[in-house]
């Protein structure tokens, strides 16, 4: 009986240790999503965009803390530009994306980031058409977010002061990523041009096309 009890205790300790180890692989941080359609707008405007619009999005994971495959990802940012044949809200089958990784990342961090996204968020980004290494600048100050990815992408966004500042019946989309509390915002500058996905845009007028929040993978 004593031997069985000892084995039970050892098994329990191994299980607890394994659960603790699994917890340490959690990756968390700030998330920003910019859509090519207004996410917060009146009904008529939303319906006019839903069929032909909303086929592109920029997803930004600004990692505060975490590791994957034993590699630290603290303070790194990964950006995905995602497109589909139809509105992203309706089309998860044809999604294709480009992943952008910072030039400051190591070879090990790049491999870990790509594996993290393809393992945890494959349904969100779809087929990864290309992975590119570019200088990434991401800053968050109070309500303002700034993103620059090489010469390809520029985004300047301002989130609403609180989650209660919008009318729920006028928020027509959900973030593609699972985040704790989605707060909508607007972009003042949103430009993208690259050759991989053959899509470009330049939204220089304010648009209510932003979601922000915090993510956990």
N, C-alpha and C. Protein backbone atom coordinates (compact mmCIF):
# COMPACT_ATOMS: atom_id res chain seq x y z
N UNK A 1 0.84 -1.21 0.00
CA UNK A 1 0.00 0.00 0.00
C UNK A 1 0.88 1.26 0.00
N UNK A 2 1.96 1.22 0.80
CA UNK A 2 2.84 2.38 0.88
C UNK A 2 3.49 2.66 -0.47
N UNK A 3 3.86 1.57 -1.19
CA UNK A 3 4.49 1.73 -2.49
C UNK A 3 3.53 2.36 -3.49
N UNK A 4 2.26 1.90 -3.46
CA UNK A 4 1.24 2.46 -4.35
C UNK A 4 1.03 3.93 -4.04
N UNK A 5 0.99 4.28 -2.75
CA UNK A 5 0.81 5.68 -2.33
C UNK A 5 1.97 6.55 -2.82
N UNK A 6 3.18 6.03 -2.72
CA UNK A 6 4.36 6.77 -3.18
C UNK A 6 4.30 7.02 -4.68
N UNK A 7 3.91 6.01 -5.44
CA UNK A 7 3.80 6.16 -6.89
C UNK A 7 2.73 7.18 -7.25
N UNK A 8 1.63 7.18 -6.47
CA UNK A 8 0.54 8.14 -6.72
C UNK A 8 1.03 9.56 -6.51
N UNK A 9 1.78 9.78 -5.42
CA UNK A 9 2.32 11.12 -5.13
C UNK A 9 3.28 11.57 -6.22
N UNK A 10 4.16 10.66 -6.65
CA UNK A 10 5.11 11.00 -7.71
C UNK A 10 4.39 11.36 -8.99
N UNK A 11 3.39 10.56 -9.33
CA UNK A 11 2.60 10.84 -10.54
C UNK A 11 1.93 12.20 -10.46
N UNK A 12 1.38 12.53 -9.28
CA UNK A 12 0.73 13.83 -9.09
C UNK A 12 1.72 14.97 -9.25
N UNK A 13 2.92 14.81 -8.68
CA UNK A 13 3.94 15.86 -8.80
C UNK A 13 4.35 16.06 -10.25
N UNK A 14 4.49 14.96 -10.99
CA UNK A 14 4.85 15.08 -12.41
C UNK A 14 3.77 15.80 -13.18
N UNK A 15 2.51 15.49 -12.86
CA UNK A 15 1.37 16.14 -13.54
C UNK A 15 1.34 17.62 -13.25
N UNK A 16 1.54 17.98 -11.97
CA UNK A 16 1.54 19.40 -11.58
C UNK A 16 2.70 20.13 -12.25
N UNK A 17 3.88 19.50 -12.26
CA UNK A 17 5.05 20.11 -12.90
C UNK A 17 4.81 20.32 -14.38
N UNK A 18 4.18 19.34 -15.01
CA UNK A 18 3.88 19.47 -16.44
C UNK A 18 2.91 20.60 -16.71
N UNK A 19 1.90 20.72 -15.83
CA UNK A 19 0.93 21.81 -16.00
C UNK A 19 1.59 23.15 -15.82
N UNK A 20 2.51 23.25 -14.84
CA UNK A 20 3.23 24.50 -14.61
C UNK A 20 4.11 24.84 -15.80
N UNK A 21 4.78 23.85 -16.36
CA UNK A 21 5.63 24.08 -17.53
C UNK A 21 4.82 24.55 -18.70
N UNK A 22 3.60 23.98 -18.86
CA UNK A 22 2.74 24.39 -19.97
C UNK A 22 2.33 25.86 -19.82
N UNK A 23 2.09 26.27 -18.55
CA UNK A 23 1.68 27.65 -18.30
C UNK A 23 2.78 28.64 -18.67
N UNK A 24 4.03 28.25 -18.50
CA UNK A 24 5.12 29.17 -18.76
C UNK A 24 5.29 29.44 -20.25
N UNK A 25 4.62 28.66 -21.11
CA UNK A 25 4.74 28.89 -22.55
C UNK A 25 3.70 29.88 -23.05
N UNK A 26 2.88 30.42 -22.14
CA UNK A 26 1.87 31.39 -22.53
C UNK A 26 2.52 32.65 -23.09
N UNK A 27 1.97 33.11 -24.21
CA UNK A 27 2.44 34.33 -24.85
C UNK A 27 1.32 35.36 -24.77
N UNK A 28 1.62 36.54 -24.30
CA UNK A 28 0.58 37.55 -24.10
C UNK A 28 1.10 38.94 -24.45
N UNK A 29 0.16 39.85 -24.73
CA UNK A 29 0.55 41.22 -25.04
C UNK A 29 -0.60 42.03 -25.62
N UNK A 30 -0.26 43.10 -26.31
CA UNK A 30 -1.26 43.98 -26.94
C UNK A 30 -1.54 43.53 -28.36
N UNK A 31 -2.79 43.70 -28.77
CA UNK A 31 -3.21 43.32 -30.12
C UNK A 31 -3.89 44.50 -30.79
N UNK A 32 -3.57 44.70 -32.05
CA UNK A 32 -4.21 45.73 -32.86
C UNK A 32 -4.61 45.12 -34.20
N UNK A 33 -5.80 45.45 -34.63
CA UNK A 33 -6.29 44.94 -35.92
C UNK A 33 -6.89 46.09 -36.72
N UNK A 34 -6.43 46.24 -37.95
CA UNK A 34 -6.94 47.28 -38.84
C UNK A 34 -7.61 46.59 -40.03
N UNK A 35 -8.88 46.87 -40.23
CA UNK A 35 -9.63 46.24 -41.32
C UNK A 35 -9.77 47.23 -42.48
N UNK A 36 -10.06 46.70 -43.66
CA UNK A 36 -10.28 47.56 -44.83
C UNK A 36 -11.76 47.89 -44.98
N UNK A 37 -12.46 47.85 -43.87
CA UNK A 37 -13.89 48.15 -43.84
C UNK A 37 -14.18 48.80 -42.49
N UNK A 38 -15.21 49.59 -42.43
CA UNK A 38 -15.58 50.23 -41.16
C UNK A 38 -16.20 49.19 -40.22
N UNK A 39 -15.64 49.05 -39.04
CA UNK A 39 -16.18 48.09 -38.08
C UNK A 39 -17.24 48.73 -37.19
N UNK A 40 -17.23 50.06 -37.12
CA UNK A 40 -18.20 50.79 -36.31
C UNK A 40 -18.78 51.90 -37.16
N UNK A 41 -20.05 51.75 -37.53
CA UNK A 41 -20.64 52.68 -38.49
C UNK A 41 -22.14 52.44 -38.54
N UNK A 42 -22.87 53.33 -39.19
CA UNK A 42 -24.31 53.17 -39.34
C UNK A 42 -24.66 51.99 -40.23
N UNK A 43 -25.88 51.54 -40.13
CA UNK A 43 -26.32 50.33 -40.82
C UNK A 43 -26.21 50.43 -42.34
N UNK A 44 -26.62 51.55 -42.90
CA UNK A 44 -26.59 51.70 -44.36
C UNK A 44 -25.16 51.64 -44.89
N UNK A 45 -24.25 52.32 -44.20
CA UNK A 45 -22.85 52.32 -44.60
C UNK A 45 -22.28 50.90 -44.51
N UNK A 46 -22.58 50.22 -43.42
CA UNK A 46 -22.07 48.87 -43.21
C UNK A 46 -22.55 47.92 -44.30
N UNK A 47 -23.80 48.01 -44.67
CA UNK A 47 -24.35 47.11 -45.69
C UNK A 47 -23.80 47.41 -47.07
N UNK A 48 -23.43 48.65 -47.31
CA UNK A 48 -22.87 49.00 -48.62
C UNK A 48 -21.45 48.46 -48.78
N UNK A 49 -20.76 48.18 -47.67
CA UNK A 49 -19.38 47.71 -47.73
C UNK A 49 -19.25 46.19 -47.62
N UNK A 50 -20.23 45.53 -47.05
CA UNK A 50 -20.05 44.15 -46.62
C UNK A 50 -19.76 43.18 -47.75
N UNK A 51 -20.34 43.41 -48.94
CA UNK A 51 -20.18 42.44 -50.03
C UNK A 51 -18.83 42.59 -50.73
N UNK A 52 -18.48 43.79 -51.12
CA UNK A 52 -17.26 44.02 -51.89
C UNK A 52 -16.07 44.44 -51.04
N UNK A 53 -16.31 44.82 -49.80
CA UNK A 53 -15.22 45.32 -48.95
C UNK A 53 -14.80 44.30 -47.90
N UNK A 54 -13.89 44.73 -47.05
CA UNK A 54 -13.49 43.92 -45.92
C UNK A 54 -12.66 42.70 -46.24
N UNK A 55 -11.96 42.70 -47.37
CA UNK A 55 -11.18 41.53 -47.77
C UNK A 55 -9.74 41.57 -47.29
N UNK A 56 -9.35 42.63 -46.64
CA UNK A 56 -7.97 42.79 -46.17
C UNK A 56 -7.96 43.21 -44.70
N UNK A 57 -6.88 42.85 -44.03
CA UNK A 57 -6.70 43.27 -42.63
C UNK A 57 -5.23 43.21 -42.27
N UNK A 58 -4.85 44.04 -41.31
CA UNK A 58 -3.52 43.98 -40.71
C UNK A 58 -3.67 43.57 -39.26
N UNK A 59 -2.96 42.52 -38.87
CA UNK A 59 -3.01 42.02 -37.50
C UNK A 59 -1.65 42.23 -36.85
N UNK A 60 -1.66 42.80 -35.67
CA UNK A 60 -0.41 43.13 -34.98
C UNK A 60 -0.43 42.50 -33.59
N UNK A 61 0.54 41.62 -33.34
CA UNK A 61 0.73 41.04 -32.01
C UNK A 61 1.99 41.65 -31.40
N UNK A 62 1.82 42.53 -30.43
CA UNK A 62 2.95 43.12 -29.72
C UNK A 62 3.13 42.34 -28.42
N UNK A 63 4.10 41.45 -28.42
CA UNK A 63 4.27 40.51 -27.32
C UNK A 63 4.98 41.19 -26.15
N UNK A 64 4.34 41.16 -25.01
CA UNK A 64 4.97 41.70 -23.81
C UNK A 64 5.85 40.64 -23.14
N UNK A 65 5.31 39.42 -23.08
CA UNK A 65 6.03 38.38 -22.36
C UNK A 65 5.61 37.02 -22.89
N UNK A 66 6.55 36.10 -22.94
CA UNK A 66 6.22 34.73 -23.31
C UNK A 66 7.35 34.05 -24.04
N UNK A 67 7.21 32.75 -24.17
CA UNK A 67 8.20 31.98 -24.92
C UNK A 67 7.48 30.89 -25.69
N UNK A 68 8.13 30.40 -26.72
CA UNK A 68 7.58 29.33 -27.54
C UNK A 68 8.72 28.43 -27.99
N UNK A 69 8.54 27.14 -27.80
CA UNK A 69 9.59 26.17 -28.12
C UNK A 69 10.90 26.50 -27.40
N UNK A 70 10.76 27.02 -26.18
CA UNK A 70 11.94 27.33 -25.39
C UNK A 70 12.66 28.60 -25.77
N UNK A 71 12.06 29.40 -26.65
CA UNK A 71 12.69 30.64 -27.12
C UNK A 71 11.91 31.83 -26.56
N UNK A 72 12.59 32.77 -25.93
CA UNK A 72 11.94 33.96 -25.38
C UNK A 72 11.48 34.88 -26.52
N UNK A 73 10.23 35.33 -26.41
CA UNK A 73 9.66 36.25 -27.39
C UNK A 73 9.32 37.60 -26.76
N UNK A 74 9.87 37.88 -25.59
CA UNK A 74 9.58 39.12 -24.88
C UNK A 74 9.88 40.33 -25.76
N UNK A 75 8.93 41.28 -25.77
CA UNK A 75 9.10 42.58 -26.42
C UNK A 75 9.27 42.49 -27.95
N UNK A 76 8.76 41.44 -28.55
CA UNK A 76 8.80 41.32 -30.01
C UNK A 76 7.43 41.63 -30.61
N UNK A 77 7.43 42.05 -31.86
CA UNK A 77 6.19 42.33 -32.58
C UNK A 77 6.18 41.55 -33.88
N UNK A 78 5.07 40.88 -34.14
CA UNK A 78 4.87 40.18 -35.41
C UNK A 78 3.62 40.75 -36.07
N UNK A 79 3.69 40.96 -37.37
CA UNK A 79 2.60 41.58 -38.13
C UNK A 79 2.19 40.64 -39.25
N UNK A 80 0.88 40.49 -39.43
CA UNK A 80 0.36 39.71 -40.55
C UNK A 80 -0.58 40.59 -41.36
N UNK A 81 -0.38 40.61 -42.68
CA UNK A 81 -1.34 41.24 -43.58
C UNK A 81 -2.10 40.10 -44.25
N UNK A 82 -3.41 40.10 -44.06
CA UNK A 82 -4.26 38.98 -44.47
C UNK A 82 -5.24 39.44 -45.55
N UNK A 83 -5.43 38.61 -46.56
CA UNK A 83 -6.42 38.90 -47.60
C UNK A 83 -7.25 37.65 -47.85
N UNK A 84 -8.41 37.85 -48.48
CA UNK A 84 -9.27 36.73 -48.87
C UNK A 84 -10.06 37.14 -50.11
N UNK A 85 -10.70 36.18 -50.73
CA UNK A 85 -11.49 36.47 -51.93
C UNK A 85 -12.80 37.18 -51.61
N UNK A 86 -13.28 36.99 -50.38
CA UNK A 86 -14.50 37.65 -49.93
C UNK A 86 -14.21 38.36 -48.61
N UNK A 87 -15.21 39.02 -48.08
CA UNK A 87 -15.09 39.67 -46.79
C UNK A 87 -14.53 38.67 -45.77
N UNK A 88 -13.52 39.07 -45.03
CA UNK A 88 -12.86 38.18 -44.08
C UNK A 88 -13.82 37.61 -43.04
N UNK A 89 -14.88 38.34 -42.76
CA UNK A 89 -15.86 37.86 -41.79
C UNK A 89 -16.58 36.62 -42.30
N UNK A 90 -16.67 36.48 -43.63
CA UNK A 90 -17.41 35.38 -44.23
C UNK A 90 -16.52 34.33 -44.86
N UNK A 91 -15.26 34.62 -45.01
CA UNK A 91 -14.37 33.76 -45.79
C UNK A 91 -13.10 33.43 -45.01
N UNK A 92 -13.05 32.22 -44.48
CA UNK A 92 -11.84 31.75 -43.81
C UNK A 92 -11.10 30.73 -44.67
N UNK A 93 -11.71 30.31 -45.77
CA UNK A 93 -11.13 29.25 -46.60
C UNK A 93 -10.04 29.77 -47.53
N UNK A 94 -10.22 30.98 -48.07
CA UNK A 94 -9.27 31.48 -49.07
C UNK A 94 -8.26 32.46 -48.49
N UNK A 95 -8.17 32.56 -47.19
CA UNK A 95 -7.26 33.53 -46.58
C UNK A 95 -5.81 33.21 -46.89
N UNK A 96 -5.06 34.25 -47.25
CA UNK A 96 -3.63 34.17 -47.46
C UNK A 96 -2.99 35.36 -46.75
N UNK A 97 -1.77 35.20 -46.33
CA UNK A 97 -1.15 36.27 -45.56
C UNK A 97 0.34 36.35 -45.80
N UNK A 98 0.87 37.50 -45.45
CA UNK A 98 2.31 37.72 -45.37
C UNK A 98 2.64 38.00 -43.91
N UNK A 99 3.62 37.28 -43.38
CA UNK A 99 4.10 37.55 -42.03
C UNK A 99 5.33 38.45 -42.11
N UNK A 100 5.34 39.48 -41.28
CA UNK A 100 6.49 40.38 -41.20
C UNK A 100 7.13 40.23 -39.81
N UNK A 101 8.43 39.93 -39.82
CA UNK A 101 9.20 39.79 -38.60
C UNK A 101 10.28 40.87 -38.56
N UNK A 102 10.58 41.31 -37.37
CA UNK A 102 11.52 42.43 -37.21
C UNK A 102 12.95 42.00 -37.53
N UNK A 103 13.70 42.92 -38.11
CA UNK A 103 15.10 42.66 -38.41
C UNK A 103 15.93 42.43 -37.15
N UNK A 104 15.43 42.89 -35.99
CA UNK A 104 16.16 42.74 -34.74
C UNK A 104 16.00 41.35 -34.12
N UNK A 105 15.11 40.53 -34.67
CA UNK A 105 14.91 39.19 -34.12
C UNK A 105 16.06 38.27 -34.52
N UNK A 106 16.30 37.28 -33.68
CA UNK A 106 17.32 36.27 -33.99
C UNK A 106 16.71 35.21 -34.89
N UNK A 107 17.57 34.36 -35.44
CA UNK A 107 17.10 33.26 -36.28
C UNK A 107 16.18 32.34 -35.48
N UNK A 108 16.53 32.09 -34.22
CA UNK A 108 15.72 31.23 -33.36
C UNK A 108 14.36 31.88 -33.08
N UNK A 109 14.34 33.18 -32.84
CA UNK A 109 13.08 33.88 -32.58
C UNK A 109 12.19 33.89 -33.81
N UNK A 110 12.79 34.04 -34.98
CA UNK A 110 11.99 34.03 -36.21
C UNK A 110 11.32 32.68 -36.41
N UNK A 111 12.07 31.62 -36.20
CA UNK A 111 11.50 30.28 -36.34
C UNK A 111 10.39 30.06 -35.31
N UNK A 112 10.60 30.53 -34.09
CA UNK A 112 9.60 30.36 -33.03
C UNK A 112 8.34 31.16 -33.33
N UNK A 113 8.49 32.39 -33.83
CA UNK A 113 7.33 33.22 -34.14
C UNK A 113 6.50 32.62 -35.27
N UNK A 114 7.14 32.15 -36.31
CA UNK A 114 6.41 31.54 -37.42
C UNK A 114 5.69 30.29 -36.93
N UNK A 115 6.36 29.46 -36.14
CA UNK A 115 5.74 28.26 -35.62
C UNK A 115 4.59 28.58 -34.69
N UNK A 116 4.75 29.63 -33.88
CA UNK A 116 3.68 30.05 -32.97
C UNK A 116 2.42 30.43 -33.75
N UNK A 117 2.58 31.27 -34.77
CA UNK A 117 1.42 31.72 -35.53
C UNK A 117 0.78 30.58 -36.32
N UNK A 118 1.60 29.74 -36.96
CA UNK A 118 1.04 28.65 -37.75
C UNK A 118 0.41 27.58 -36.87
N UNK A 119 0.89 27.45 -35.64
CA UNK A 119 0.32 26.46 -34.72
C UNK A 119 -0.93 26.98 -34.03
N UNK A 120 -0.87 28.22 -33.55
CA UNK A 120 -1.96 28.76 -32.74
C UNK A 120 -3.00 29.55 -33.53
N UNK A 121 -2.59 30.13 -34.66
CA UNK A 121 -3.51 31.02 -35.37
C UNK A 121 -3.58 30.70 -36.87
N UNK A 122 -3.47 29.45 -37.22
CA UNK A 122 -3.50 29.06 -38.64
C UNK A 122 -4.84 29.41 -39.28
N UNK A 123 -5.93 29.27 -38.55
CA UNK A 123 -7.25 29.59 -39.11
C UNK A 123 -7.42 31.08 -39.33
N UNK A 124 -6.72 31.88 -38.54
CA UNK A 124 -6.83 33.34 -38.66
C UNK A 124 -6.05 33.85 -39.86
N UNK A 125 -4.83 33.39 -40.02
CA UNK A 125 -3.98 33.93 -41.10
C UNK A 125 -4.09 33.14 -42.40
N UNK A 126 -4.61 31.92 -42.34
CA UNK A 126 -4.72 31.11 -43.55
C UNK A 126 -3.36 30.66 -44.06
N UNK A 127 -3.25 30.54 -45.37
CA UNK A 127 -1.98 30.14 -45.99
C UNK A 127 -0.98 31.28 -45.90
N UNK A 128 0.20 31.00 -45.40
CA UNK A 128 1.25 32.02 -45.34
C UNK A 128 1.99 32.01 -46.67
N UNK A 129 1.76 33.04 -47.46
CA UNK A 129 2.36 33.13 -48.79
C UNK A 129 3.84 33.49 -48.71
N UNK A 130 4.21 34.24 -47.67
CA UNK A 130 5.61 34.67 -47.56
C UNK A 130 5.88 35.14 -46.14
N UNK A 131 7.12 34.98 -45.72
CA UNK A 131 7.59 35.54 -44.46
C UNK A 131 8.72 36.50 -44.78
N UNK A 132 8.58 37.75 -44.36
CA UNK A 132 9.55 38.76 -44.73
C UNK A 132 10.15 39.40 -43.47
N UNK A 133 11.43 39.70 -43.58
CA UNK A 133 12.15 40.33 -42.47
C UNK A 133 12.30 41.82 -42.78
N UNK A 134 11.66 42.64 -41.98
CA UNK A 134 11.66 44.09 -42.19
C UNK A 134 11.78 44.80 -40.84
N UNK A 135 12.30 46.02 -40.82
CA UNK A 135 12.29 46.78 -39.57
C UNK A 135 10.85 47.10 -39.16
N UNK A 136 10.51 46.76 -37.93
CA UNK A 136 9.16 47.00 -37.42
C UNK A 136 9.25 47.97 -36.26
N UNK A 137 8.48 49.04 -36.34
CA UNK A 137 8.38 50.01 -35.26
C UNK A 137 6.94 50.05 -34.78
N UNK A 138 6.74 49.70 -33.51
CA UNK A 138 5.40 49.72 -32.94
C UNK A 138 5.45 50.48 -31.62
N UNK A 139 4.59 51.47 -31.46
CA UNK A 139 4.52 52.22 -30.21
C UNK A 139 3.06 52.40 -29.81
N UNK A 140 2.87 52.41 -28.50
CA UNK A 140 1.55 52.66 -27.92
C UNK A 140 1.73 53.69 -26.82
N UNK A 141 1.04 54.81 -26.96
CA UNK A 141 1.12 55.86 -25.96
C UNK A 141 -0.29 56.36 -25.67
N UNK A 142 -0.76 56.08 -24.46
CA UNK A 142 -2.13 56.40 -24.07
C UNK A 142 -3.10 55.74 -25.06
N UNK A 143 -3.82 56.53 -25.84
CA UNK A 143 -4.81 55.98 -26.76
C UNK A 143 -4.29 55.86 -28.19
N UNK A 144 -3.04 56.23 -28.40
CA UNK A 144 -2.51 56.30 -29.76
C UNK A 144 -1.58 55.13 -30.06
N UNK A 145 -1.74 54.58 -31.26
CA UNK A 145 -0.91 53.47 -31.73
C UNK A 145 -0.25 53.87 -33.05
N UNK A 146 1.02 53.55 -33.16
CA UNK A 146 1.76 53.82 -34.39
C UNK A 146 2.48 52.55 -34.83
N UNK A 147 2.38 52.24 -36.11
CA UNK A 147 3.04 51.06 -36.65
C UNK A 147 3.69 51.41 -37.98
N UNK A 148 4.92 50.94 -38.13
CA UNK A 148 5.60 51.07 -39.41
C UNK A 148 6.36 49.79 -39.69
N UNK A 149 6.15 49.23 -40.87
CA UNK A 149 6.85 48.02 -41.29
C UNK A 149 7.62 48.36 -42.56
N UNK A 150 8.92 48.59 -42.43
CA UNK A 150 9.74 48.96 -43.58
C UNK A 150 9.11 50.08 -44.38
N UNK A 151 9.12 49.90 -45.69
CA UNK A 151 8.46 50.85 -46.58
C UNK A 151 7.09 50.34 -47.03
N UNK A 152 6.67 49.20 -46.49
CA UNK A 152 5.43 48.57 -46.95
C UNK A 152 4.18 49.09 -46.26
N UNK A 153 4.28 49.31 -44.95
CA UNK A 153 3.06 49.54 -44.17
C UNK A 153 3.24 50.69 -43.19
N UNK A 154 2.26 51.59 -43.18
CA UNK A 154 2.20 52.67 -42.20
C UNK A 154 0.79 52.72 -41.63
N UNK A 155 0.70 52.78 -40.32
CA UNK A 155 -0.60 52.81 -39.66
C UNK A 155 -0.53 53.71 -38.45
N UNK A 156 -1.43 54.68 -38.40
CA UNK A 156 -1.57 55.55 -37.25
C UNK A 156 -3.01 55.44 -36.78
N UNK A 157 -3.21 55.00 -35.53
CA UNK A 157 -4.56 54.70 -35.06
C UNK A 157 -4.79 55.32 -33.69
N UNK A 158 -6.05 55.56 -33.41
CA UNK A 158 -6.48 56.13 -32.13
C UNK A 158 -7.66 55.32 -31.63
N UNK A 159 -7.50 54.66 -30.50
CA UNK A 159 -8.61 53.87 -29.95
C UNK A 159 -9.56 54.76 -29.16
N UNK A 160 -10.79 54.31 -29.04
CA UNK A 160 -11.76 55.04 -28.24
C UNK A 160 -11.36 55.02 -26.77
N UNK A 161 -11.77 56.01 -25.99
CA UNK A 161 -11.33 56.08 -24.59
C UNK A 161 -11.76 54.89 -23.74
N UNK A 162 -12.86 54.21 -24.12
CA UNK A 162 -13.34 53.09 -23.31
C UNK A 162 -14.20 52.17 -24.18
N UNK A 163 -14.47 50.99 -23.67
CA UNK A 163 -15.27 50.03 -24.42
C UNK A 163 -16.74 50.43 -24.49
N UNK A 164 -17.17 51.36 -23.65
CA UNK A 164 -18.57 51.76 -23.60
C UNK A 164 -18.87 53.01 -24.43
N UNK A 165 -17.88 53.45 -25.21
CA UNK A 165 -18.04 54.69 -25.96
C UNK A 165 -18.74 54.47 -27.31
N UNK A 166 -19.07 53.24 -27.61
CA UNK A 166 -19.71 52.94 -28.89
C UNK A 166 -21.05 52.26 -28.65
N UNK A 167 -21.95 52.39 -29.61
CA UNK A 167 -23.24 51.71 -29.55
C UNK A 167 -23.05 50.28 -30.04
N UNK A 168 -23.35 49.27 -29.22
CA UNK A 168 -23.09 47.88 -29.61
C UNK A 168 -23.75 47.47 -30.93
N UNK A 169 -24.93 48.02 -31.22
CA UNK A 169 -25.64 47.61 -32.43
C UNK A 169 -25.02 48.21 -33.70
N UNK A 170 -24.04 49.10 -33.54
CA UNK A 170 -23.36 49.67 -34.70
C UNK A 170 -21.94 49.11 -34.89
N UNK A 171 -21.57 48.10 -34.08
CA UNK A 171 -20.31 47.38 -34.28
C UNK A 171 -20.65 46.12 -35.08
N UNK A 172 -20.22 46.09 -36.34
CA UNK A 172 -20.69 45.07 -37.28
C UNK A 172 -19.76 43.87 -37.43
N UNK A 173 -18.60 43.93 -36.82
CA UNK A 173 -17.63 42.85 -36.97
C UNK A 173 -17.07 42.47 -35.62
N UNK A 174 -16.39 41.35 -35.59
CA UNK A 174 -15.62 40.92 -34.43
C UNK A 174 -14.15 40.82 -34.84
N UNK A 175 -13.24 41.04 -33.89
CA UNK A 175 -11.82 40.87 -34.24
C UNK A 175 -11.55 39.45 -34.73
N UNK A 176 -10.60 39.30 -35.62
CA UNK A 176 -10.22 37.98 -36.11
C UNK A 176 -9.49 37.20 -35.02
N UNK A 177 -8.78 37.89 -34.17
CA UNK A 177 -8.09 37.29 -33.01
C UNK A 177 -9.03 37.32 -31.81
N UNK A 178 -8.85 36.36 -30.90
CA UNK A 178 -9.60 36.36 -29.65
C UNK A 178 -8.89 37.28 -28.66
N UNK A 179 -9.57 38.33 -28.24
CA UNK A 179 -8.98 39.27 -27.29
C UNK A 179 -9.94 39.48 -26.13
N UNK A 180 -9.41 39.97 -25.02
CA UNK A 180 -10.22 40.04 -23.80
C UNK A 180 -11.41 40.97 -23.94
N UNK A 181 -11.16 42.21 -24.23
CA UNK A 181 -12.23 43.19 -24.41
C UNK A 181 -11.89 44.02 -25.64
N UNK A 182 -12.67 43.85 -26.68
CA UNK A 182 -12.40 44.55 -27.93
C UNK A 182 -12.89 45.99 -27.84
N UNK A 183 -11.97 46.93 -28.04
CA UNK A 183 -12.31 48.35 -28.10
C UNK A 183 -12.07 48.84 -29.51
N UNK A 184 -13.04 49.55 -30.07
CA UNK A 184 -12.89 50.01 -31.44
C UNK A 184 -12.16 51.35 -31.47
N UNK A 185 -11.64 51.68 -32.63
CA UNK A 185 -10.94 52.93 -32.81
C UNK A 185 -10.93 53.32 -34.28
N UNK A 186 -10.14 54.31 -34.60
CA UNK A 186 -10.09 54.77 -35.99
C UNK A 186 -8.64 54.91 -36.43
N UNK A 187 -8.44 54.72 -37.72
CA UNK A 187 -7.12 54.97 -38.31
C UNK A 187 -7.14 56.34 -38.97
N UNK A 188 -6.06 57.06 -38.80
CA UNK A 188 -5.90 58.34 -39.48
C UNK A 188 -5.02 58.19 -40.73
N UNK A 189 -4.08 57.25 -40.65
CA UNK A 189 -3.23 56.90 -41.79
C UNK A 189 -3.18 55.38 -41.87
N UNK A 190 -3.41 54.84 -43.04
CA UNK A 190 -3.35 53.39 -43.20
C UNK A 190 -2.96 53.10 -44.64
N UNK A 191 -1.66 52.82 -44.84
CA UNK A 191 -1.12 52.61 -46.19
C UNK A 191 -0.39 51.27 -46.25
N UNK A 192 -0.57 50.58 -47.36
CA UNK A 192 0.14 49.32 -47.55
C UNK A 192 0.42 49.10 -49.03
N UNK A 193 1.65 48.67 -49.31
CA UNK A 193 2.02 48.32 -50.68
C UNK A 193 3.13 47.29 -50.64
N UNK A 194 2.86 46.12 -51.21
CA UNK A 194 3.86 45.07 -51.33
C UNK A 194 3.51 44.25 -52.56
N UNK A 195 4.40 43.39 -52.97
CA UNK A 195 4.19 42.65 -54.22
C UNK A 195 3.69 41.23 -54.00
N UNK A 196 3.73 40.73 -52.79
CA UNK A 196 3.41 39.32 -52.55
C UNK A 196 1.94 39.03 -52.78
N UNK A 197 1.07 39.81 -52.17
CA UNK A 197 -0.37 39.56 -52.25
C UNK A 197 -1.05 40.37 -53.34
N UNK A 198 -0.32 41.22 -54.00
CA UNK A 198 -0.87 42.04 -55.10
C UNK A 198 -2.06 42.87 -54.66
N UNK A 199 -2.01 43.39 -53.43
CA UNK A 199 -3.04 44.31 -52.95
C UNK A 199 -2.36 45.55 -52.38
N UNK A 200 -2.97 46.69 -52.60
CA UNK A 200 -2.46 47.93 -52.03
C UNK A 200 -3.64 48.75 -51.53
N UNK A 201 -3.40 49.62 -50.58
CA UNK A 201 -4.43 50.58 -50.18
C UNK A 201 -3.77 51.79 -49.54
N UNK A 202 -4.53 52.86 -49.55
CA UNK A 202 -4.06 54.12 -48.97
C UNK A 202 -5.26 54.86 -48.44
N UNK A 203 -5.54 54.66 -47.17
CA UNK A 203 -6.67 55.32 -46.52
C UNK A 203 -6.12 56.51 -45.73
N UNK A 204 -6.19 57.67 -46.31
CA UNK A 204 -5.65 58.87 -45.66
C UNK A 204 -6.71 59.64 -44.89
N UNK A 205 -7.97 59.21 -45.03
CA UNK A 205 -9.06 59.84 -44.28
C UNK A 205 -9.38 58.99 -43.06
N UNK A 206 -9.78 59.61 -41.95
CA UNK A 206 -10.12 58.84 -40.75
C UNK A 206 -11.20 57.80 -41.04
N UNK A 207 -11.02 56.60 -40.48
CA UNK A 207 -11.96 55.52 -40.71
C UNK A 207 -12.08 54.69 -39.43
N UNK A 208 -13.28 54.33 -39.05
CA UNK A 208 -13.51 53.55 -37.83
C UNK A 208 -13.28 52.06 -38.12
N UNK A 209 -12.05 51.70 -38.36
CA UNK A 209 -11.73 50.35 -38.83
C UNK A 209 -10.78 49.59 -37.90
N UNK A 210 -10.68 50.01 -36.63
CA UNK A 210 -9.68 49.48 -35.72
C UNK A 210 -10.32 48.71 -34.56
N UNK A 211 -9.68 47.57 -34.22
CA UNK A 211 -9.93 46.89 -32.97
C UNK A 211 -8.63 46.83 -32.17
N UNK A 212 -8.71 47.04 -30.87
CA UNK A 212 -7.53 46.84 -30.01
C UNK A 212 -7.95 46.06 -28.77
N UNK A 213 -6.98 45.42 -28.15
CA UNK A 213 -7.24 44.66 -26.93
C UNK A 213 -5.98 43.94 -26.52
N UNK A 214 -6.14 42.96 -25.64
CA UNK A 214 -5.01 42.17 -25.18
C UNK A 214 -5.25 40.71 -25.54
N UNK A 215 -4.20 40.04 -26.00
CA UNK A 215 -4.31 38.66 -26.43
C UNK A 215 -3.52 37.74 -25.52
N UNK A 216 -3.92 36.49 -25.51
CA UNK A 216 -3.18 35.42 -24.83
C UNK A 216 -3.17 34.21 -25.75
N UNK A 217 -1.99 33.66 -26.00
CA UNK A 217 -1.87 32.44 -26.80
C UNK A 217 -1.33 31.32 -25.90
